[in-house]
Every structure is written in C-alpha cells, then in structure tokens.
Amino acid sequence: MTGGEAYKVKLVTDDALDAAISAFLTDPSKPVMIEVRKGSIDVAAAVLVHQWSADELAVEDATPARRRNAVKTAVLLATVG
C-alpha cells in the first residue's frame, strides 16, 4: 500500500499529512513518521527516495508551497512499511 492509497481510504487524514509535512519542513533532521495501521511512512526517507522531491527541496528560491508539494508528493508515493 502507498501513502496515496492509504490517504484515499482515509487511513491517513489531511491533518496527519499536513502535520507531518510541517514538522519535516521545520526540521528535516528530526524523525517524522506517519502511522498507517500497523505500518508507517518515514517522511525523510520518502523524500530521499523520490528524486524529484529531493531536487525540489534543494532549490534555493523555492516557495513554501512548492516545498510542501514536493514533500506531499513523496509521502503519497511512498510505500507503507
């Protein structure tokens, strides 16, 4: 199951997703996990694995919305482990 599939069936709420994205963007060095049933998504690992998202976060003049979308994309495409 991916984060997007979990999101579609309401196993991940908008609030949980928004909180995880905000926490990651505030301090990427701190672990941020999204719990999905008996599994979870490590937000930092999801970003690192998704090259486009990692590249977007490296853009110096990226807007906050662009950064949020990059992290959200990585989380929704990540596999729940």
PDB file of N, CA and C in Angstrom:
ATOM      1  N   MET A   1       0.845  -1.173   0.000  1.00  0.00           N
ATOM      2  CA  MET A   1       0.000   0.000   0.000  1.00  0.00           C
ATOM      3  C   MET A   1       0.889   1.234   0.000  1.00  0.00           C
ATOM      4  N   THR A   2       0.503   2.236  -0.779  1.00  0.00           N
ATOM      5  CA  THR A   2       1.244   3.502  -0.798  1.00  0.00           C
ATOM      6  C   THR A   2       0.568   4.514   0.129  1.00  0.00           C
ATOM      7  N   GLY A   3       1.253   5.591   0.378  1.00  0.00           N
ATOM      8  CA  GLY A   3       0.663   6.662   1.162  1.00  0.00           C
ATOM      9  C   GLY A   3      -0.577   7.212   0.490  1.00  0.00           C
ATOM     10  N   GLY A   4      -0.557   7.294  -0.839  1.00  0.00           N
ATOM     11  CA  GLY A   4      -1.712   7.790  -1.578  1.00  0.00           C
ATOM     12  C   GLY A   4      -2.913   6.877  -1.449  1.00  0.00           C
ATOM     13  N   GLU A   5      -2.673   5.580  -1.500  1.00  0.00           N
ATOM     14  CA  GLU A   5      -3.769   4.621  -1.329  1.00  0.00           C
ATOM     15  C   GLU A   5      -4.343   4.715   0.078  1.00  0.00           C
ATOM     16  N   ALA A   6      -3.468   4.846   1.067  1.00  0.00           N
ATOM     17  CA  ALA A   6      -3.917   4.996   2.452  1.00  0.00           C
ATOM     18  C   ALA A   6      -4.708   6.289   2.625  1.00  0.00           C
ATOM     19  N   TYR A   7      -4.286   7.326   1.950  1.00  0.00           N
ATOM     20  CA  TYR A   7      -4.970   8.623   2.012  1.00  0.00           C
ATOM     21  C   TYR A   7      -6.365   8.518   1.397  1.00  0.00           C
ATOM     22  N   LYS A   8      -6.472   7.826   0.277  1.00  0.00           N
ATOM     23  CA  LYS A   8      -7.768   7.676  -0.403  1.00  0.00           C
ATOM     24  C   LYS A   8      -8.800   6.975   0.463  1.00  0.00           C
ATOM     25  N   VAL A   9      -8.356   5.982   1.217  1.00  0.00           N
ATOM     26  CA  VAL A   9      -9.303   5.230   2.051  1.00  0.00           C
ATOM     27  C   VAL A   9      -9.348   5.765   3.489  1.00  0.00           C
ATOM     28  N   LYS A  10      -8.826   6.962   3.675  1.00  0.00           N
ATOM     29  CA  LYS A  10      -8.900   7.695   4.950  1.00  0.00           C
ATOM     30  C   LYS A  10      -8.103   7.072   6.098  1.00  0.00           C
ATOM     31  N   LEU A  11      -7.067   6.277   5.774  1.00  0.00           N
ATOM     32  CA  LEU A  11      -6.181   5.775   6.817  1.00  0.00           C
ATOM     33  C   LEU A  11      -5.172   6.842   7.213  1.00  0.00           C
ATOM     34  N   VAL A  12      -4.980   7.810   6.332  1.00  0.00           N
ATOM     35  CA  VAL A  12      -4.157   8.989   6.612  1.00  0.00           C
ATOM     36  C   VAL A  12      -5.068  10.195   6.411  1.00  0.00           C
ATOM     37  N   THR A  13      -5.209  11.003   7.448  1.00  0.00           N
ATOM     38  CA  THR A  13      -6.091  12.166   7.365  1.00  0.00           C
ATOM     39  C   THR A  13      -5.338  13.383   6.834  1.00  0.00           C
ATOM     40  N   ASP A  14      -6.092  14.375   6.398  1.00  0.00           N
ATOM     41  CA  ASP A  14      -5.486  15.635   5.966  1.00  0.00           C
ATOM     42  C   ASP A  14      -4.665  16.247   7.089  1.00  0.00           C
ATOM     43  N   ASP A  15      -5.204  16.211   8.301  1.00  0.00           N
ATOM     44  CA  ASP A  15      -4.499  16.798   9.448  1.00  0.00           C
ATOM     45  C   ASP A  15      -3.176  16.094   9.726  1.00  0.00           C
ATOM     46  N   ALA A  16      -3.186  14.762   9.671  1.00  0.00           N
ATOM     47  CA  ALA A  16      -1.957  13.999   9.921  1.00  0.00           C
ATOM     48  C   ALA A  16      -0.925  14.272   8.839  1.00  0.00           C
ATOM     49  N   LEU A  17      -1.369  14.325   7.597  1.00  0.00           N
ATOM     50  CA  LEU A  17      -0.467  14.595   6.479  1.00  0.00           C
ATOM     51  C   LEU A  17       0.114  16.001   6.592  1.00  0.00           C
ATOM     52  N   ASP A  18      -0.741  16.986   6.850  1.00  0.00           N
ATOM     53  CA  ASP A  18      -0.276  18.370   6.985  1.00  0.00           C
ATOM     54  C   ASP A  18       0.698  18.533   8.153  1.00  0.00           C
ATOM     55  N   ALA A  19       0.399  17.880   9.270  1.00  0.00           N
ATOM     56  CA  ALA A  19       1.274  17.977  10.444  1.00  0.00           C
ATOM     57  C   ALA A  19       2.640  17.360  10.159  1.00  0.00           C
ATOM     58  N   ALA A  20       2.651  16.227   9.478  1.00  0.00           N
ATOM     59  CA  ALA A  20       3.924  15.564   9.159  1.00  0.00           C
ATOM     60  C   ALA A  20       4.752  16.404   8.196  1.00  0.00           C
ATOM     61  N   ILE A  21       4.110  16.976   7.199  1.00  0.00           N
ATOM     62  CA  ILE A  21       4.821  17.820   6.235  1.00  0.00           C
ATOM     63  C   ILE A  21       5.400  19.043   6.944  1.00  0.00           C
ATOM     64  N   SER A  22       4.601  19.678   7.771  1.00  0.00           N
ATOM     65  CA  SER A  22       5.070  20.863   8.501  1.00  0.00           C
ATOM     66  C   SER A  22       6.237  20.524   9.418  1.00  0.00           C
ATOM     67  N   ALA A  23       6.121  19.413  10.131  1.00  0.00           N
ATOM     68  CA  ALA A  23       7.199  19.010  11.043  1.00  0.00           C
ATOM     69  C   ALA A  23       8.481  18.736  10.269  1.00  0.00           C
ATOM     70  N   PHE A  24       8.375  18.054   9.147  1.00  0.00           N
ATOM     71  CA  PHE A  24       9.564  17.756   8.342  1.00  0.00           C
ATOM     72  C   PHE A  24      10.197  19.044   7.824  1.00  0.00           C
ATOM     73  N   LEU A  25       9.390  19.944   7.302  1.00  0.00           N
ATOM     74  CA  LEU A  25       9.939  21.181   6.738  1.00  0.00           C
ATOM     75  C   LEU A  25      10.528  22.085   7.822  1.00  0.00           C
ATOM     76  N   THR A  26      10.005  22.010   9.035  1.00  0.00           N
ATOM     77  CA  THR A  26      10.540  22.801  10.142  1.00  0.00           C
ATOM     78  C   THR A  26      11.931  22.321  10.533  1.00  0.00           C
ATOM     79  N   ASP A  27      12.096  20.994  10.597  1.00  0.00           N
ATOM     80  CA  ASP A  27      13.402  20.437  10.961  1.00  0.00           C
ATOM     81  C   ASP A  27      13.573  19.066  10.314  1.00  0.00           C
ATOM     82  N   PRO A  28      14.152  19.033   9.111  1.00  0.00           N
ATOM     83  CA  PRO A  28      14.325  17.758   8.402  1.00  0.00           C
ATOM     84  C   PRO A  28      15.241  16.753   9.115  1.00  0.00           C
ATOM     85  N   SER A  29      15.993  17.197  10.103  1.00  0.00           N
ATOM     86  CA  SER A  29      16.892  16.276  10.808  1.00  0.00           C
ATOM     87  C   SER A  29      16.162  15.450  11.873  1.00  0.00           C
ATOM     88  N   LYS A  30      14.963  15.861  12.256  1.00  0.00           N
ATOM     89  CA  LYS A  30      14.189  15.127  13.256  1.00  0.00           C
ATOM     90  C   LYS A  30      13.313  14.090  12.555  1.00  0.00           C
ATOM     91  N   PRO A  31      13.207  12.904  13.146  1.00  0.00           N
ATOM     92  CA  PRO A  31      12.371  11.867  12.521  1.00  0.00           C
ATOM     93  C   PRO A  31      10.889  12.248  12.545  1.00  0.00           C
ATOM     94  N   VAL A  32      10.247  12.061  11.403  1.00  0.00           N
ATOM     95  CA  VAL A  32       8.811  12.296  11.287  1.00  0.00           C
ATOM     96  C   VAL A  32       8.206  11.062  10.633  1.00  0.00           C
ATOM     97  N   MET A  33       7.265  10.459  11.345  1.00  0.00           N
ATOM     98  CA  MET A  33       6.622   9.244  10.858  1.00  0.00           C
ATOM     99  C   MET A  33       5.121   9.486  10.736  1.00  0.00           C
ATOM    100  N   ILE A  34       4.538   8.894   9.710  1.00  0.00           N
ATOM    101  CA  ILE A  34       3.081   8.889   9.565  1.00  0.00           C
ATOM    102  C   ILE A  34       2.637   7.450   9.801  1.00  0.00           C
ATOM    103  N   GLU A  35       1.822   7.256  10.826  1.00  0.00           N
ATOM    104  CA  GLU A  35       1.350   5.919  11.167  1.00  0.00           C
ATOM    105  C   GLU A  35       0.179   5.534  10.263  1.00  0.00           C
ATOM    106  N   VAL A  36       0.261   4.320   9.702  1.00  0.00           N
ATOM    107  CA  VAL A  36      -0.793   3.787   8.851  1.00  0.00           C
ATOM    108  C   VAL A  36      -1.055   2.354   9.304  1.00  0.00           C
ATOM    109  N   ARG A  37      -2.145   2.159  10.008  1.00  0.00           N
ATOM    110  CA  ARG A  37      -2.457   0.850  10.600  1.00  0.00           C
ATOM    111  C   ARG A  37      -1.254   0.345  11.379  1.00  0.00           C
ATOM    112  N   LYS A  38      -0.729  -0.807  10.989  1.00  0.00           N
ATOM    113  CA  LYS A  38       0.425  -1.375  11.705  1.00  0.00           C
ATOM    114  C   LYS A  38       1.745  -0.972  11.067  1.00  0.00           C
ATOM    115  N   GLY A  39       1.697  -0.125  10.058  1.00  0.00           N
ATOM    116  CA  GLY A  39       2.906   0.327   9.384  1.00  0.00           C
ATOM    117  C   GLY A  39       3.105   1.820   9.553  1.00  0.00           C
ATOM    118  N   SER A  40       4.074   2.339   8.824  1.00  0.00           N
ATOM    119  CA  SER A  40       4.338   3.775   8.895  1.00  0.00           C
ATOM    120  C   SER A  40       5.103   4.225   7.650  1.00  0.00           C
ATOM    121  N   ILE A  41       5.142   5.535   7.482  1.00  0.00           N
ATOM    122  CA  ILE A  41       5.927   6.155   6.414  1.00  0.00           C
ATOM    123  C   ILE A  41       6.913   7.101   7.079  1.00  0.00           C
ATOM    124  N   ASP A  42       8.179   6.915   6.800  1.00  0.00           N
ATOM    125  CA  ASP A  42       9.235   7.812   7.263  1.00  0.00           C
ATOM    126  C   ASP A  42       9.331   8.926   6.227  1.00  0.00           C
ATOM    127  N   VAL A  43       8.965  10.131   6.619  1.00  0.00           N
ATOM    128  CA  VAL A  43       8.882  11.245   5.669  1.00  0.00           C
ATOM    129  C   VAL A  43      10.245  11.555   5.058  1.00  0.00           C
ATOM    130  N   ALA A  44      11.288  11.607   5.848  1.00  0.00           N
ATOM    131  CA  ALA A  44      12.623  11.907   5.311  1.00  0.00           C
ATOM    132  C   ALA A  44      13.064  10.847   4.312  1.00  0.00           C
ATOM    133  N   ALA A  45      12.829   9.589   4.624  1.00  0.00           N
ATOM    134  CA  ALA A  45      13.204   8.505   3.712  1.00  0.00           C
ATOM    135  C   ALA A  45      12.403   8.597   2.425  1.00  0.00           C
ATOM    136  N   ALA A  46      11.124   8.939   2.536  1.00  0.00           N
ATOM    137  CA  ALA A  46      10.279   9.071   1.346  1.00  0.00           C
ATOM    138  C   ALA A  46      10.814  10.163   0.423  1.00  0.00           C
ATOM    139  N   VAL A  47      11.240  11.273   1.006  1.00  0.00           N
ATOM    140  CA  VAL A  47      11.791  12.379   0.206  1.00  0.00           C
ATOM    141  C   VAL A  47      13.105  11.965  -0.446  1.00  0.00           C
ATOM    142  N   LEU A  48      13.962  11.297   0.300  1.00  0.00           N
ATOM    143  CA  LEU A  48      15.254  10.881  -0.249  1.00  0.00           C
ATOM    144  C   LEU A  48      15.106   9.893  -1.406  1.00  0.00           C
ATOM    145  N   VAL A  49      14.129   9.021  -1.313  1.00  0.00           N
ATOM    146  CA  VAL A  49      13.915   8.010  -2.352  1.00  0.00           C
ATOM    147  C   VAL A  49      13.293   8.621  -3.610  1.00  0.00           C
ATOM    148  N   HIS A  50      12.505   9.663  -3.426  1.00  0.00           N
ATOM    149  CA  HIS A  50      11.825  10.298  -4.555  1.00  0.00           C
ATOM    150  C   HIS A  50      12.687  11.451  -5.076  1.00  0.00           C
ATOM    151  N   GLN A  51      13.413  11.202  -6.148  1.00  0.00           N
ATOM    152  CA  GLN A  51      14.416  12.150  -6.642  1.00  0.00           C
ATOM    153  C   GLN A  51      13.846  13.531  -6.946  1.00  0.00           C
ATOM    154  N   TRP A  52      12.676  13.586  -7.580  1.00  0.00           N
ATOM    155  CA  TRP A  52      12.095  14.891  -7.916  1.00  0.00           C
ATOM    156  C   TRP A  52      11.858  15.708  -6.657  1.00  0.00           C
ATOM    157  N   SER A  53      11.323  15.072  -5.625  1.00  0.00           N
ATOM    158  CA  SER A  53      11.060  15.790  -4.374  1.00  0.00           C
ATOM    159  C   SER A  53      12.354  16.283  -3.747  1.00  0.00           C
ATOM    160  N   ALA A  54      13.362  15.433  -3.719  1.00  0.00           N
ATOM    161  CA  ALA A  54      14.655  15.844  -3.170  1.00  0.00           C
ATOM    162  C   ALA A  54      15.230  17.017  -3.956  1.00  0.00           C
ATOM    163  N   ASP A  55      15.116  16.957  -5.275  1.00  0.00           N
ATOM    164  CA  ASP A  55      15.613  18.050  -6.120  1.00  0.00           C
ATOM    165  C   ASP A  55      14.844  19.344  -5.860  1.00  0.00           C
ATOM    166  N   GLU A  56      13.534  19.239  -5.695  1.00  0.00           N
ATOM    167  CA  GLU A  56      12.715  20.432  -5.436  1.00  0.00           C
ATOM    168  C   GLU A  56      13.106  21.099  -4.114  1.00  0.00           C
ATOM    169  N   LEU A  57      13.378  20.292  -3.110  1.00  0.00           N
ATOM    170  CA  LEU A  57      13.754  20.854  -1.810  1.00  0.00           C
ATOM    171  C   LEU A  57      15.131  21.500  -1.843  1.00  0.00           C
ATOM    172  N   ALA A  58      15.942  21.137  -2.813  1.00  0.00           N
ATOM    173  CA  ALA A  58      17.285  21.712  -2.943  1.00  0.00           C
ATOM    174  C   ALA A  58      17.282  23.054  -3.667  1.00  0.00           C
ATOM    175  N   VAL A  59      16.172  23.422  -4.276  1.00  0.00           N
ATOM    176  CA  VAL A  59      16.073  24.702  -4.982  1.00  0.00           C
ATOM    177  C   VAL A  59      16.049  25.828  -3.942  1.00  0.00           C
ATOM    178  N   GLU A  60      17.032  26.699  -4.022  1.00  0.00           N
ATOM    179  CA  GLU A  60      17.184  27.746  -3.005  1.00  0.00           C
ATOM    180  C   GLU A  60      15.997  28.702  -2.912  1.00  0.00           C
ATOM    181  N   ASP A  61      15.444  29.092  -4.036  1.00  0.00           N
ATOM    182  CA  ASP A  61      14.366  30.081  -4.009  1.00  0.00           C
ATOM    183  C   ASP A  61      12.975  29.457  -4.146  1.00  0.00           C
ATOM    184  N   ALA A  62      12.851  28.176  -3.810  1.00  0.00           N
ATOM    185  CA  ALA A  62      11.555  27.502  -3.885  1.00  0.00           C
ATOM    186  C   ALA A  62      10.590  28.124  -2.873  1.00  0.00           C
ATOM    187  N   THR A  63       9.366  28.310  -3.297  1.00  0.00           N
ATOM    188  CA  THR A  63       8.347  28.874  -2.407  1.00  0.00           C
ATOM    189  C   THR A  63       7.938  27.828  -1.366  1.00  0.00           C
ATOM    190  N   PRO A  64       7.359  28.281  -0.269  1.00  0.00           N
ATOM    191  CA  PRO A  64       6.874  27.317   0.725  1.00  0.00           C
ATOM    192  C   PRO A  64       5.860  26.326   0.130  1.00  0.00           C
ATOM    193  N   ALA A  65       4.999  26.781  -0.741  1.00  0.00           N
ATOM    194  CA  ALA A  65       4.019  25.888  -1.362  1.00  0.00           C
ATOM    195  C   ALA A  65       4.709  24.835  -2.226  1.00  0.00           C
ATOM    196  N   ARG A  66       5.732  25.229  -2.929  1.00  0.00           N
ATOM    197  CA  ARG A  66       6.485  24.296  -3.771  1.00  0.00           C
ATOM    198  C   ARG A  66       7.165  23.234  -2.915  1.00  0.00           C
ATOM    199  N   ARG A  67       7.719  23.650  -1.785  1.00  0.00           N
ATOM    200  CA  ARG A  67       8.364  22.712  -0.876  1.00  0.00           C
ATOM    201  C   ARG A  67       7.345  21.736  -0.274  1.00  0.00           C
ATOM    202  N   ARG A  68       6.192  22.270   0.150  1.00  0.00           N
ATOM    203  CA  ARG A  68       5.138  21.408   0.713  1.00  0.00           C
ATOM    204  C   ARG A  68       4.677  20.388  -0.309  1.00  0.00           C
ATOM    205  N   ASN A  69       4.481  20.822  -1.537  1.00  0.00           N
ATOM    206  CA  ASN A  69       4.027  19.906  -2.585  1.00  0.00           C
ATOM    207  C   ASN A  69       5.053  18.825  -2.871  1.00  0.00           C
ATOM    208  N   ALA A  70       6.325  19.166  -2.794  1.00  0.00           N
ATOM    209  CA  ALA A  70       7.383  18.179  -3.021  1.00  0.00           C
ATOM    210  C   ALA A  70       7.346  17.098  -1.943  1.00  0.00           C
ATOM    211  N   VAL A  71       7.200  17.514  -0.697  1.00  0.00           N
ATOM    212  CA  VAL A  71       7.151  16.546   0.398  1.00  0.00           C
ATOM    213  C   VAL A  71       5.869  15.720   0.312  1.00  0.00           C
ATOM    214  N   LYS A  72       4.754  16.368   0.038  1.00  0.00           N
ATOM    215  CA  LYS A  72       3.473  15.657  -0.063  1.00  0.00           C
ATOM    216  C   LYS A  72       3.526  14.606  -1.168  1.00  0.00           C
ATOM    217  N   THR A  73       4.102  14.952  -2.298  1.00  0.00           N
ATOM    218  CA  THR A  73       4.227  14.001  -3.403  1.00  0.00           C
ATOM    219  C   THR A  73       5.031  12.783  -2.971  1.00  0.00           C
ATOM    220  N   ALA A  74       6.151  13.009  -2.305  1.00  0.00           N
ATOM    221  CA  ALA A  74       6.992  11.895  -1.862  1.00  0.00           C
ATOM    222  C   ALA A  74       6.246  10.995  -0.892  1.00  0.00           C
ATOM    223  N   VAL A  75       5.508  11.583   0.034  1.00  0.00           N
ATOM    224  CA  VAL A  75       4.772  10.799   1.027  1.00  0.00           C
ATOM    225  C   VAL A  75       3.663   9.989   0.361  1.00  0.00           C
ATOM    226  N   LEU A  76       2.936  10.599  -0.550  1.00  0.00           N
ATOM    227  CA  LEU A  76       1.825   9.892  -1.190  1.00  0.00           C
ATOM    228  C   LEU A  76       2.304   8.757  -2.097  1.00  0.00           C
ATOM    229  N   LEU A  77       3.511   8.867  -2.621  1.00  0.00           N
ATOM    230  CA  LEU A  77       4.052   7.817  -3.478  1.00  0.00           C
ATOM    231  C   LEU A  77       4.837   6.755  -2.695  1.00  0.00           C
ATOM    232  N   ALA A  78       5.132   7.041  -1.439  1.00  0.00           N
ATOM    233  CA  ALA A  78       5.917   6.117  -0.628  1.00  0.00           C
ATOM    234  C   ALA A  78       5.120   4.862  -0.275  1.00  0.00           C
ATOM    235  N   THR A  79       5.847   3.778  -0.106  1.00  0.00           N
ATOM    236  CA  THR A  79       5.246   2.520   0.313  1.00  0.00           C
ATOM    237  C   THR A  79       5.185   2.485   1.833  1.00  0.00           C
ATOM    238  N   VAL A  80       4.037   2.099   2.351  1.00  0.00           N
ATOM    239  CA  VAL A  80       3.882   1.962   3.807  1.00  0.00           C
ATOM    240  C   VAL A  80       4.661   0.728   4.239  1.00  0.00           C
ATOM    241  N   GLY A  81       5.536   0.936   5.216  1.00  0.00           N
ATOM    242  CA  GLY A  81       6.367  -0.179   5.667  1.00  0.00           C
ATOM    243  C   GLY A  81       6.061  -0.614   7.065  1.00  0.00           C
TER     244      GLY A  81
END
